[in-house]
Amino acid sequence: MAANTFLLPDYFLYQKKLKLGELTSQLAVMEYRELEPQIEHLEAEHQVTIVYASLSDTTEGMNS
């Protein structure tokens, strides 16, 4: 039982990395106008928070 408890955090981390890899592959092929309306759905489906900002904004604009 101790071995299972010891290895469990590594297993969860491995599974999360796989899921994030799948999400990254899905996002890479999407256009921004297609992605923006789906962000909330993707966050809920993959249990993540997606942070994004316009590349045309200034640093001060992104931080406000």
C-alpha atoms as a PDB file:
ATOM      1  CA  MET A   1       0.000   0.000   0.000  1.00  0.00           C
ATOM      2  CA  ALA A   2       2.841   2.409   0.751  1.00  0.00           C
ATOM      3  CA  ALA A   3       4.249   1.971  -2.775  1.00  0.00           C
ATOM      4  CA  ASN A   4       0.889   2.896  -4.322  1.00  0.00           C
ATOM      5  CA  THR A   5       0.633   6.046  -2.195  1.00  0.00           C
ATOM      6  CA  PHE A   6       4.216   6.959  -3.057  1.00  0.00           C
ATOM      7  CA  LEU A   7       3.692   6.626  -6.821  1.00  0.00           C
ATOM      8  CA  LEU A   8       0.240   8.206  -6.981  1.00  0.00           C
ATOM      9  CA  PRO A   9       1.347  11.873  -7.296  1.00  0.00           C
ATOM     10  CA  ASP A  10       3.649  10.964 -10.199  1.00  0.00           C
ATOM     11  CA  TYR A  11       0.800   9.145 -11.919  1.00  0.00           C
ATOM     12  CA  PHE A  12      -1.561  12.136 -11.566  1.00  0.00           C
ATOM     13  CA  LEU A  13       1.125  14.468 -12.918  1.00  0.00           C
ATOM     14  CA  TYR A  14       1.704  12.129 -15.869  1.00  0.00           C
ATOM     15  CA  GLN A  15      -2.039  11.990 -16.631  1.00  0.00           C
ATOM     16  CA  LYS A  16      -2.360  15.801 -16.414  1.00  0.00           C
ATOM     17  CA  LYS A  17       0.566  16.213 -18.833  1.00  0.00           C
ATOM     18  CA  LEU A  18      -1.134  13.877 -21.308  1.00  0.00           C
ATOM     19  CA  LYS A  19      -4.402  15.796 -21.082  1.00  0.00           C
ATOM     20  CA  LEU A  20      -2.623  19.146 -21.493  1.00  0.00           C
ATOM     21  CA  GLY A  21      -0.795  17.753 -24.520  1.00  0.00           C
ATOM     22  CA  GLU A  22      -4.125  16.788 -26.087  1.00  0.00           C
ATOM     23  CA  LEU A  23      -5.557  20.245 -25.373  1.00  0.00           C
ATOM     24  CA  THR A  24      -2.472  21.962 -26.801  1.00  0.00           C
ATOM     25  CA  SER A  25      -2.761  19.930 -29.995  1.00  0.00           C
ATOM     26  CA  GLN A  26      -6.438  20.857 -30.256  1.00  0.00           C
ATOM     27  CA  LEU A  27      -5.732  24.577 -29.719  1.00  0.00           C
ATOM     28  CA  ALA A  28      -2.795  24.715 -32.143  1.00  0.00           C
ATOM     29  CA  VAL A  29      -4.971  24.134 -35.197  1.00  0.00           C
ATOM     30  CA  MET A  30      -7.755  26.544 -34.215  1.00  0.00           C
ATOM     31  CA  GLU A  31      -8.079  30.093 -35.514  1.00  0.00           C
ATOM     32  CA  TYR A  32      -8.555  32.786 -32.856  1.00  0.00           C
ATOM     33  CA  ARG A  33     -12.077  33.659 -34.024  1.00  0.00           C
ATOM     34  CA  GLU A  34     -12.985  29.969 -33.704  1.00  0.00           C
ATOM     35  CA  LEU A  35     -11.228  29.601 -30.350  1.00  0.00           C
ATOM     36  CA  GLU A  36     -12.556  32.642 -28.488  1.00  0.00           C
ATOM     37  CA  PRO A  37     -16.220  31.542 -28.257  1.00  0.00           C
ATOM     38  CA  GLN A  38     -15.158  28.065 -27.105  1.00  0.00           C
ATOM     39  CA  ILE A  39     -12.747  29.042 -24.319  1.00  0.00           C
ATOM     40  CA  GLU A  40     -15.215  28.530 -21.460  1.00  0.00           C
ATOM     41  CA  HIS A  41     -16.300  25.173 -22.848  1.00  0.00           C
ATOM     42  CA  LEU A  42     -12.694  24.020 -23.281  1.00  0.00           C
ATOM     43  CA  GLU A  43     -11.818  25.133 -19.758  1.00  0.00           C
ATOM     44  CA  ALA A  44     -14.701  23.136 -18.302  1.00  0.00           C
ATOM     45  CA  GLU A  45     -14.071  20.102 -20.500  1.00  0.00           C
ATOM     46  CA  HIS A  46     -10.358  19.884 -19.706  1.00  0.00           C
ATOM     47  CA  GLN A  47     -10.523  21.302 -16.157  1.00  0.00           C
ATOM     48  CA  VAL A  48      -7.982  24.044 -16.867  1.00  0.00           C
ATOM     49  CA  THR A  49      -7.815  27.827 -16.935  1.00  0.00           C
ATOM     50  CA  ILE A  50      -6.906  29.345 -20.278  1.00  0.00           C
ATOM     51  CA  VAL A  51      -5.161  32.698 -20.030  1.00  0.00           C
ATOM     52  CA  TYR A  52      -4.902  34.786 -23.172  1.00  0.00           C
ATOM     53  CA  ALA A  53      -4.150  38.355 -24.238  1.00  0.00           C
ATOM     54  CA  SER A  54      -3.959  40.295 -27.462  1.00  0.00           C
ATOM     55  CA  LEU A  55      -0.475  40.621 -28.909  1.00  0.00           C
ATOM     56  CA  SER A  56      -1.287  44.151 -30.027  1.00  0.00           C
ATOM     57  CA  ASP A  57      -1.864  45.398 -26.447  1.00  0.00           C
ATOM     58  CA  THR A  58       0.910  47.043 -24.496  1.00  0.00           C
ATOM     59  CA  THR A  59       2.327  45.389 -21.401  1.00  0.00           C
ATOM     60  CA  GLU A  60       0.502  47.950 -19.282  1.00  0.00           C
ATOM     61  CA  GLY A  61      -2.754  47.103 -21.031  1.00  0.00           C
ATOM     62  CA  MET A  62      -2.318  43.407 -20.332  1.00  0.00           C
ATOM     63  CA  ASN A  63      -1.577  44.015 -16.658  1.00  0.00           C
ATOM     64  CA  SER A  64      -4.627  46.175 -16.011  1.00  0.00           C
END
